[in-house]
Amino acid sequence: MSDLSFLAPAYANLDADWRRALSAVWTQPKWRALDHALQQRHAAGAQIYPQRETVFHALNLTPPDQVKVVILGQDPYHGEGEAHGLAFSVPAGVKIPPSLRNIFAEQQQDLGAPTPRHGDLSAWARQGVLLLNSVLTVEKDCANSHRKLGWEVLTHAVIKHLAERDTPTVFLLWGSAAQKLGAPAAANPQHGVLNSVHPSPLSAYRGFFGCQHFSQANAFLRTHGRGEIDWRLPDGGSGSLF
């Protein structure tokens, strides 16, 4: 990948196993068109989040052979300092966004876990929870600004790879966009697919609260001998729930 490529720093840091698993992506015209579009916007002065080196943070923290659970988001947070390459997650010290507050509320109701003081979900990712957005970049203060640039060529390939393998995996599909992207997983009976509405304040009360996906995911993993996820987060930040 050329040094003039916007995505070159991310690709250089990409986990080697994911690089091999996604080898068919890197030569596709849609991938080159995406990279070109990002480079053009960057050259024109657009502030693009997350930082280029962390675009593939979710893949790097959760290599393919370690994936136990997949949680799909939409696009990164578009406020300064919020996005760090993990769906729904923010760095410690950043105010916890509304959807993540609702995720924590359901986690507490489902498991009796204490409410985290920060929104950094890296501890989940290191245990095998792939926190993947369907679109991996966004422009400052402009939600969904990169939705149609071509990121789907990559994220569809990630889901296809995980869906077609026989390693039992749980897919937590929150909202219609996640359910559409994660649809290939439902075709493989080896996997557990749990659907719900999105945890945003606009929809959480229509079925996300009370879905018990955290305990159900652990029950599936136990049944298939893959170990549980410890959904509690280490107390490592000062983020505010309000």
C-alpha atoms as a PDB file:
ATOM      1  CA  MET A   1       0.000   0.000   0.000  1.00  0.00           C
ATOM      2  CA  SER A   2       1.444   3.370  -1.086  1.00  0.00           C
ATOM      3  CA  ASP A   3       2.717   5.915   1.430  1.00  0.00           C
ATOM      4  CA  LEU A   4       0.265   8.321  -0.232  1.00  0.00           C
ATOM      5  CA  SER A   5      -2.579   6.049   0.861  1.00  0.00           C
ATOM      6  CA  PHE A   6      -4.757   7.359   3.687  1.00  0.00           C
ATOM      7  CA  LEU A   7      -5.118   3.861   5.107  1.00  0.00           C
ATOM      8  CA  ALA A   8      -1.439   2.906   4.885  1.00  0.00           C
ATOM      9  CA  PRO A   9      -0.746   3.508   8.619  1.00  0.00           C
ATOM     10  CA  ALA A  10      -3.761   1.395   9.607  1.00  0.00           C
ATOM     11  CA  TYR A  11      -2.825  -1.395   7.228  1.00  0.00           C
ATOM     12  CA  ALA A  12       0.765  -1.393   8.471  1.00  0.00           C
ATOM     13  CA  ASN A  13      -0.473  -1.998  12.020  1.00  0.00           C
ATOM     14  CA  LEU A  14      -3.126  -4.583  11.103  1.00  0.00           C
ATOM     15  CA  ASP A  15      -2.998  -7.965  12.827  1.00  0.00           C
ATOM     16  CA  ALA A  16      -1.302 -10.454  10.499  1.00  0.00           C
ATOM     17  CA  ASP A  17      -4.052 -13.075  10.833  1.00  0.00           C
ATOM     18  CA  TRP A  18      -6.740 -10.580   9.868  1.00  0.00           C
ATOM     19  CA  ARG A  19      -4.570  -9.383   7.000  1.00  0.00           C
ATOM     20  CA  ARG A  20      -4.456 -12.930   5.648  1.00  0.00           C
ATOM     21  CA  ALA A  21      -8.137 -13.631   6.322  1.00  0.00           C
ATOM     22  CA  LEU A  22      -9.113 -10.494   4.402  1.00  0.00           C
ATOM     23  CA  SER A  23      -6.541 -10.864   1.614  1.00  0.00           C
ATOM     24  CA  ALA A  24      -9.206 -10.737  -1.111  1.00  0.00           C
ATOM     25  CA  VAL A  25     -10.244  -7.254   0.042  1.00  0.00           C
ATOM     26  CA  TRP A  26      -6.988  -5.397  -0.519  1.00  0.00           C
ATOM     27  CA  THR A  27      -6.970  -5.771  -4.323  1.00  0.00           C
ATOM     28  CA  GLN A  28     -10.622  -4.922  -4.912  1.00  0.00           C
ATOM     29  CA  PRO A  29     -11.412  -1.734  -6.856  1.00  0.00           C
ATOM     30  CA  LYS A  30     -13.913  -0.722  -4.157  1.00  0.00           C
ATOM     31  CA  TRP A  31     -11.145  -0.810  -1.556  1.00  0.00           C
ATOM     32  CA  ARG A  32      -8.862   1.349  -3.666  1.00  0.00           C
ATOM     33  CA  ALA A  33     -11.757   3.752  -4.326  1.00  0.00           C
ATOM     34  CA  LEU A  34     -12.436   4.011  -0.576  1.00  0.00           C
ATOM     35  CA  ASP A  35      -8.796   4.744   0.172  1.00  0.00           C
ATOM     36  CA  HIS A  36      -8.676   7.367  -2.577  1.00  0.00           C
ATOM     37  CA  ALA A  37     -11.848   9.059  -1.313  1.00  0.00           C
ATOM     38  CA  LEU A  38     -10.475   9.216   2.235  1.00  0.00           C
ATOM     39  CA  GLN A  39      -7.167  10.628   1.001  1.00  0.00           C
ATOM     40  CA  GLN A  40      -9.000  13.320  -0.989  1.00  0.00           C
ATOM     41  CA  ARG A  41     -11.122  14.365   1.976  1.00  0.00           C
ATOM     42  CA  HIS A  42      -8.099  14.425   4.250  1.00  0.00           C
ATOM     43  CA  ALA A  43      -6.157  16.549   1.751  1.00  0.00           C
ATOM     44  CA  ALA A  44      -9.097  18.958   1.586  1.00  0.00           C
ATOM     45  CA  GLY A  45      -8.838  19.543   5.325  1.00  0.00           C
ATOM     46  CA  ALA A  46     -11.493  17.209   6.715  1.00  0.00           C
ATOM     47  CA  GLN A  47     -10.927  16.023  10.288  1.00  0.00           C
ATOM     48  CA  ILE A  48     -11.403  12.265  10.149  1.00  0.00           C
ATOM     49  CA  TYR A  49     -11.907  10.092  13.219  1.00  0.00           C
ATOM     50  CA  PRO A  50     -10.479   7.924  14.662  1.00  0.00           C
ATOM     51  CA  GLN A  51      -6.776   8.582  14.146  1.00  0.00           C
ATOM     52  CA  ARG A  52      -5.509   6.676  11.140  1.00  0.00           C
ATOM     53  CA  GLU A  53      -3.340   4.335  13.176  1.00  0.00           C
ATOM     54  CA  THR A  54      -6.370   3.139  15.179  1.00  0.00           C
ATOM     55  CA  VAL A  55      -8.868   2.616  12.363  1.00  0.00           C
ATOM     56  CA  PHE A  56      -8.393  -1.166  12.719  1.00  0.00           C
ATOM     57  CA  HIS A  57      -8.212  -1.102  16.529  1.00  0.00           C
ATOM     58  CA  ALA A  58     -11.111  -3.575  16.888  1.00  0.00           C
ATOM     59  CA  LEU A  59      -9.416  -6.110  14.612  1.00  0.00           C
ATOM     60  CA  ASN A  60      -6.069  -5.693  16.320  1.00  0.00           C
ATOM     61  CA  LEU A  61      -7.430  -6.217  19.841  1.00  0.00           C
ATOM     62  CA  THR A  62      -9.469  -9.263  18.750  1.00  0.00           C
ATOM     63  CA  PRO A  63      -7.660 -11.481  16.205  1.00  0.00           C
ATOM     64  CA  PRO A  64      -9.901 -13.858  14.221  1.00  0.00           C
ATOM     65  CA  ASP A  65      -9.060 -17.016  16.177  1.00  0.00           C
ATOM     66  CA  GLN A  66      -9.946 -15.248  19.443  1.00  0.00           C
ATOM     67  CA  VAL A  67     -13.387 -13.964  18.441  1.00  0.00           C
ATOM     68  CA  LYS A  68     -16.095 -15.339  20.743  1.00  0.00           C
ATOM     69  CA  VAL A  69     -18.700 -12.582  20.500  1.00  0.00           C
ATOM     70  CA  VAL A  70     -19.403 -10.024  17.768  1.00  0.00           C
ATOM     71  CA  ILE A  71     -21.108  -6.708  18.564  1.00  0.00           C
ATOM     72  CA  LEU A  72     -21.838  -4.560  15.529  1.00  0.00           C
ATOM     73  CA  GLY A  73     -22.123  -0.776  15.620  1.00  0.00           C
ATOM     74  CA  GLN A  74     -22.774   1.764  12.869  1.00  0.00           C
ATOM     75  CA  ASP A  75     -20.054   4.398  12.525  1.00  0.00           C
ATOM     76  CA  PRO A  76     -17.562   5.957  14.956  1.00  0.00           C
ATOM     77  CA  TYR A  77     -18.495   8.740  17.342  1.00  0.00           C
ATOM     78  CA  HIS A  78     -17.947  12.064  15.598  1.00  0.00           C
ATOM     79  CA  GLY A  79     -17.020  14.262  18.552  1.00  0.00           C
ATOM     80  CA  GLU A  80     -13.410  15.214  19.212  1.00  0.00           C
ATOM     81  CA  GLY A  81     -11.578  12.599  21.269  1.00  0.00           C
ATOM     82  CA  GLU A  82     -14.477  10.122  21.342  1.00  0.00           C
ATOM     83  CA  ALA A  83     -13.661   7.545  18.652  1.00  0.00           C
ATOM     84  CA  HIS A  84     -10.836   5.059  19.194  1.00  0.00           C
ATOM     85  CA  GLY A  85     -11.700   2.260  16.801  1.00  0.00           C
ATOM     86  CA  LEU A  86     -14.101   0.175  18.924  1.00  0.00           C
ATOM     87  CA  ALA A  87     -17.869   0.165  18.398  1.00  0.00           C
ATOM     88  CA  PHE A  88     -19.817   1.864  21.223  1.00  0.00           C
ATOM     89  CA  SER A  89     -16.582   2.490  23.169  1.00  0.00           C
ATOM     90  CA  VAL A  90     -14.918   5.752  24.179  1.00  0.00           C
ATOM     91  CA  PRO A  91     -11.525   6.314  25.834  1.00  0.00           C
ATOM     92  CA  ALA A  92     -11.473   6.518  29.620  1.00  0.00           C
ATOM     93  CA  GLY A  93     -12.121  10.064  30.762  1.00  0.00           C
ATOM     94  CA  VAL A  94     -14.552  10.836  27.920  1.00  0.00           C
ATOM     95  CA  LYS A  95     -18.226  11.337  28.799  1.00  0.00           C
ATOM     96  CA  ILE A  96     -20.135   8.079  28.284  1.00  0.00           C
ATOM     97  CA  PRO A  97     -22.500   8.407  25.283  1.00  0.00           C
ATOM     98  CA  PRO A  98     -26.237   7.681  25.636  1.00  0.00           C
ATOM     99  CA  SER A  99     -26.244   4.333  23.780  1.00  0.00           C
ATOM    100  CA  LEU A 100     -23.387   3.060  25.916  1.00  0.00           C
ATOM    101  CA  ARG A 101     -25.166   4.233  29.076  1.00  0.00           C
ATOM    102  CA  ASN A 102     -28.103   2.070  28.009  1.00  0.00           C
ATOM    103  CA  ILE A 103     -25.800  -0.884  27.311  1.00  0.00           C
ATOM    104  CA  PHE A 104     -24.407  -0.541  30.824  1.00  0.00           C
ATOM    105  CA  ALA A 105     -27.931  -0.271  32.270  1.00  0.00           C
ATOM    106  CA  GLU A 106     -28.945  -3.552  30.603  1.00  0.00           C
ATOM    107  CA  GLN A 107     -25.692  -5.182  31.686  1.00  0.00           C
ATOM    108  CA  GLN A 108     -26.401  -4.173  35.285  1.00  0.00           C
ATOM    109  CA  GLN A 109     -29.994  -5.427  35.124  1.00  0.00           C
ATOM    110  CA  ASP A 110     -28.995  -8.687  33.436  1.00  0.00           C
ATOM    111  CA  LEU A 111     -25.896  -9.584  35.456  1.00  0.00           C
ATOM    112  CA  GLY A 112     -26.046  -7.421  38.545  1.00  0.00           C
ATOM    113  CA  ALA A 113     -22.704  -5.949  37.517  1.00  0.00           C
ATOM    114  CA  PRO A 114     -21.636  -2.575  38.913  1.00  0.00           C
ATOM    115  CA  THR A 115     -22.055   0.378  36.568  1.00  0.00           C
ATOM    116  CA  PRO A 116     -18.659   1.204  35.014  1.00  0.00           C
ATOM    117  CA  ARG A 117     -17.126   4.605  35.711  1.00  0.00           C
ATOM    118  CA  HIS A 118     -15.711   4.845  32.186  1.00  0.00           C
ATOM    119  CA  GLY A 119     -16.652   3.803  28.656  1.00  0.00           C
ATOM    120  CA  ASP A 120     -13.482   2.087  27.437  1.00  0.00           C
ATOM    121  CA  LEU A 121     -14.535  -1.396  26.280  1.00  0.00           C
ATOM    122  CA  SER A 122     -11.011  -2.574  25.490  1.00  0.00           C
ATOM    123  CA  ALA A 123     -11.263  -5.190  28.265  1.00  0.00           C
ATOM    124  CA  TRP A 124     -14.162  -6.809  26.396  1.00  0.00           C
ATOM    125  CA  ALA A 125     -12.213  -6.777  23.141  1.00  0.00           C
ATOM    126  CA  ARG A 126      -9.180  -8.452  24.729  1.00  0.00           C
ATOM    127  CA  GLN A 127     -11.414 -11.303  25.917  1.00  0.00           C
ATOM    128  CA  GLY A 128     -12.760 -12.009  22.450  1.00  0.00           C
ATOM    129  CA  VAL A 129     -15.564  -9.490  21.897  1.00  0.00           C
ATOM    130  CA  LEU A 130     -15.148  -8.009  18.418  1.00  0.00           C
ATOM    131  CA  LEU A 131     -16.525  -4.461  18.629  1.00  0.00           C
ATOM    132  CA  LEU A 132     -16.881  -3.727  14.938  1.00  0.00           C
ATOM    133  CA  ASN A 133     -18.522  -0.725  13.320  1.00  0.00           C
ATOM    134  CA  SER A 134     -19.980  -1.222   9.839  1.00  0.00           C
ATOM    135  CA  VAL A 135     -18.194   1.995   8.786  1.00  0.00           C
ATOM    136  CA  LEU A 136     -14.772   2.610  10.315  1.00  0.00           C
ATOM    137  CA  THR A 137     -14.286   6.355   9.812  1.00  0.00           C
ATOM    138  CA  VAL A 138     -16.324   9.533  10.166  1.00  0.00           C
ATOM    139  CA  GLU A 139     -15.788  13.280   9.827  1.00  0.00           C
ATOM    140  CA  LYS A 140     -15.864  15.633  12.775  1.00  0.00           C
ATOM    141  CA  ASP A 141     -19.376  16.585  13.883  1.00  0.00           C
ATOM    142  CA  CYS A 142     -20.964  14.790  10.926  1.00  0.00           C
ATOM    143  CA  ALA A 143     -22.545  11.422  11.721  1.00  0.00           C
ATOM    144  CA  ASN A 144     -22.739   8.893   8.866  1.00  0.00           C
ATOM    145  CA  SER A 145     -20.537  11.105   6.680  1.00  0.00           C
ATOM    146  CA  HIS A 146     -18.562   8.078   5.392  1.00  0.00           C
ATOM    147  CA  ARG A 147     -21.452   5.641   5.190  1.00  0.00           C
ATOM    148  CA  LYS A 148     -21.388   5.349   1.404  1.00  0.00           C
ATOM    149  CA  LEU A 149     -17.636   5.581   0.789  1.00  0.00           C
ATOM    150  CA  GLY A 150     -17.171   1.805   0.536  1.00  0.00           C
ATOM    151  CA  TRP A 151     -16.280   0.515   3.990  1.00  0.00           C
ATOM    152  CA  GLU A 152     -18.751  -2.313   3.500  1.00  0.00           C
ATOM    153  CA  VAL A 153     -16.269  -4.145   1.260  1.00  0.00           C
ATOM    154  CA  LEU A 154     -14.187  -4.721   4.400  1.00  0.00           C
ATOM    155  CA  THR A 155     -16.826  -5.162   7.090  1.00  0.00           C
ATOM    156  CA  HIS A 156     -18.879  -7.578   4.974  1.00  0.00           C
ATOM    157  CA  ALA A 157     -15.713  -9.632   4.448  1.00  0.00           C
ATOM    158  CA  VAL A 158     -15.061  -9.735   8.205  1.00  0.00           C
ATOM    159  CA  ILE A 159     -18.577 -10.979   8.938  1.00  0.00           C
ATOM    160  CA  LYS A 160     -18.459 -13.475   6.071  1.00  0.00           C
ATOM    161  CA  HIS A 161     -15.192 -14.915   7.374  1.00  0.00           C
ATOM    162  CA  LEU A 162     -16.550 -15.320  10.907  1.00  0.00           C
ATOM    163  CA  ALA A 163     -19.949 -16.589   9.782  1.00  0.00           C
ATOM    164  CA  GLU A 164     -18.540 -19.316   7.546  1.00  0.00           C
ATOM    165  CA  ARG A 165     -16.173 -20.831  10.082  1.00  0.00           C
ATOM    166  CA  ASP A 166     -17.355 -23.628  12.382  1.00  0.00           C
ATOM    167  CA  THR A 167     -16.098 -22.078  15.621  1.00  0.00           C
ATOM    168  CA  PRO A 168     -19.226 -21.336  17.714  1.00  0.00           C
ATOM    169  CA  THR A 169     -19.604 -17.581  17.967  1.00  0.00           C
ATOM    170  CA  VAL A 170     -22.274 -15.289  19.405  1.00  0.00           C
ATOM    171  CA  PHE A 171     -23.503 -12.401  17.251  1.00  0.00           C
ATOM    172  CA  LEU A 172     -25.251  -9.604  19.177  1.00  0.00           C
ATOM    173  CA  LEU A 173     -27.166  -7.705  16.504  1.00  0.00           C
ATOM    174  CA  TRP A 174     -28.669  -4.527  17.928  1.00  0.00           C
ATOM    175  CA  GLY A 175     -30.821  -2.655  15.425  1.00  0.00           C
ATOM    176  CA  SER A 176     -31.795  -3.222  11.795  1.00  0.00           C
ATOM    177  CA  ALA A 177     -28.439  -2.120  10.367  1.00  0.00           C
ATOM    178  CA  ALA A 178     -26.531  -4.617  12.524  1.00  0.00           C
ATOM    179  CA  GLN A 179     -29.036  -7.364  11.716  1.00  0.00           C
ATOM    180  CA  LYS A 180     -28.605  -6.767   8.000  1.00  0.00           C
ATOM    181  CA  LEU A 181     -24.803  -6.831   8.213  1.00  0.00           C
ATOM    182  CA  GLY A 182     -24.813  -9.888  10.479  1.00  0.00           C
ATOM    183  CA  ALA A 183     -27.350 -11.864   8.455  1.00  0.00           C
ATOM    184  CA  PRO A 184     -24.769 -14.401   7.131  1.00  0.00           C
ATOM    185  CA  ALA A 185     -24.240 -15.692  10.666  1.00  0.00           C
ATOM    186  CA  ALA A 186     -27.841 -16.895  10.883  1.00  0.00           C
ATOM    187  CA  ALA A 187     -27.191 -19.344   8.031  1.00  0.00           C
ATOM    188  CA  ASN A 188     -24.667 -21.298  10.105  1.00  0.00           C
ATOM    189  CA  PRO A 189     -26.234 -23.370  12.916  1.00  0.00           C
ATOM    190  CA  GLN A 190     -22.916 -23.405  14.772  1.00  0.00           C
ATOM    191  CA  HIS A 191     -23.472 -19.791  15.815  1.00  0.00           C
ATOM    192  CA  GLY A 192     -25.762 -18.070  18.284  1.00  0.00           C
ATOM    193  CA  VAL A 193     -27.528 -14.995  16.905  1.00  0.00           C
ATOM    194  CA  LEU A 194     -29.307 -12.644  19.318  1.00  0.00           C
ATOM    195  CA  ASN A 195     -31.354  -9.786  17.851  1.00  0.00           C
ATOM    196  CA  SER A 196     -32.669  -6.663  19.534  1.00  0.00           C
ATOM    197  CA  VAL A 197     -33.496  -3.060  18.785  1.00  0.00           C
ATOM    198  CA  HIS A 198     -30.632  -0.577  18.971  1.00  0.00           C
ATOM    199  CA  PRO A 199     -29.642   0.619  22.468  1.00  0.00           C
ATOM    200  CA  SER A 200     -30.037   4.292  21.538  1.00  0.00           C
ATOM    201  CA  PRO A 201     -32.406   6.410  23.656  1.00  0.00           C
ATOM    202  CA  LEU A 202     -34.824   6.449  20.698  1.00  0.00           C
ATOM    203  CA  SER A 203     -35.353   2.686  20.725  1.00  0.00           C
ATOM    204  CA  ALA A 204     -33.907   1.026  23.842  1.00  0.00           C
ATOM    205  CA  TYR A 205     -37.286   0.946  25.600  1.00  0.00           C
ATOM    206  CA  ARG A 206     -38.782  -1.050  22.724  1.00  0.00           C
ATOM    207  CA  GLY A 207     -36.918  -4.238  23.550  1.00  0.00           C
ATOM    208  CA  PHE A 208     -33.259  -3.636  24.294  1.00  0.00           C
ATOM    209  CA  PHE A 209     -33.888  -3.296  28.003  1.00  0.00           C
ATOM    210  CA  GLY A 210     -34.625  -6.768  29.281  1.00  0.00           C
ATOM    211  CA  CYS A 211     -33.065  -8.609  26.311  1.00  0.00           C
ATOM    212  CA  GLN A 212     -30.547 -10.351  28.636  1.00  0.00           C
ATOM    213  CA  HIS A 213     -28.026 -10.705  25.829  1.00  0.00           C
ATOM    214  CA  PHE A 214     -25.026 -10.679  28.141  1.00  0.00           C
ATOM    215  CA  SER A 215     -26.140 -13.685  30.179  1.00  0.00           C
ATOM    216  CA  GLN A 216     -27.418 -15.465  27.058  1.00  0.00           C
ATOM    217  CA  ALA A 217     -24.090 -14.952  25.311  1.00  0.00           C
ATOM    218  CA  ASN A 218     -22.231 -16.454  28.257  1.00  0.00           C
ATOM    219  CA  ALA A 219     -24.638 -19.388  28.419  1.00  0.00           C
ATOM    220  CA  PHE A 220     -23.971 -20.134  24.743  1.00  0.00           C
ATOM    221  CA  LEU A 221     -20.209 -19.892  25.211  1.00  0.00           C
ATOM    222  CA  ARG A 222     -20.303 -22.192  28.242  1.00  0.00           C
ATOM    223  CA  THR A 223     -22.402 -24.757  26.380  1.00  0.00           C
ATOM    224  CA  HIS A 224     -19.891 -24.807  23.530  1.00  0.00           C
ATOM    225  CA  GLY A 225     -16.808 -24.931  25.726  1.00  0.00           C
ATOM    226  CA  ARG A 226     -15.492 -21.491  24.839  1.00  0.00           C
ATOM    227  CA  GLY A 227     -15.467 -19.895  28.290  1.00  0.00           C
ATOM    228  CA  GLU A 228     -17.395 -16.868  29.468  1.00  0.00           C
ATOM    229  CA  ILE A 229     -16.846 -13.157  28.961  1.00  0.00           C
ATOM    230  CA  ASP A 230     -16.326 -11.125  32.128  1.00  0.00           C
ATOM    231  CA  TRP A 231     -18.520  -8.183  31.200  1.00  0.00           C
ATOM    232  CA  ARG A 232     -17.372  -6.127  34.163  1.00  0.00           C
ATOM    233  CA  LEU A 233     -14.906  -3.371  33.337  1.00  0.00           C
ATOM    234  CA  PRO A 234     -11.827  -2.620  35.420  1.00  0.00           C
ATOM    235  CA  ASP A 235     -12.115   0.693  37.245  1.00  0.00           C
ATOM    236  CA  GLY A 236      -9.690   2.623  35.117  1.00  0.00           C
ATOM    237  CA  GLY A 237     -11.256   5.949  34.297  1.00  0.00           C
ATOM    238  CA  SER A 238     -13.238   8.965  35.337  1.00  0.00           C
ATOM    239  CA  GLY A 239     -15.841   9.087  32.604  1.00  0.00           C
ATOM    240  CA  SER A 240     -19.221  10.453  33.598  1.00  0.00           C
ATOM    241  CA  LEU A 241     -22.539   8.738  33.055  1.00  0.00           C
ATOM    242  CA  PHE A 242     -24.195  12.166  32.844  1.00  0.00           C
END
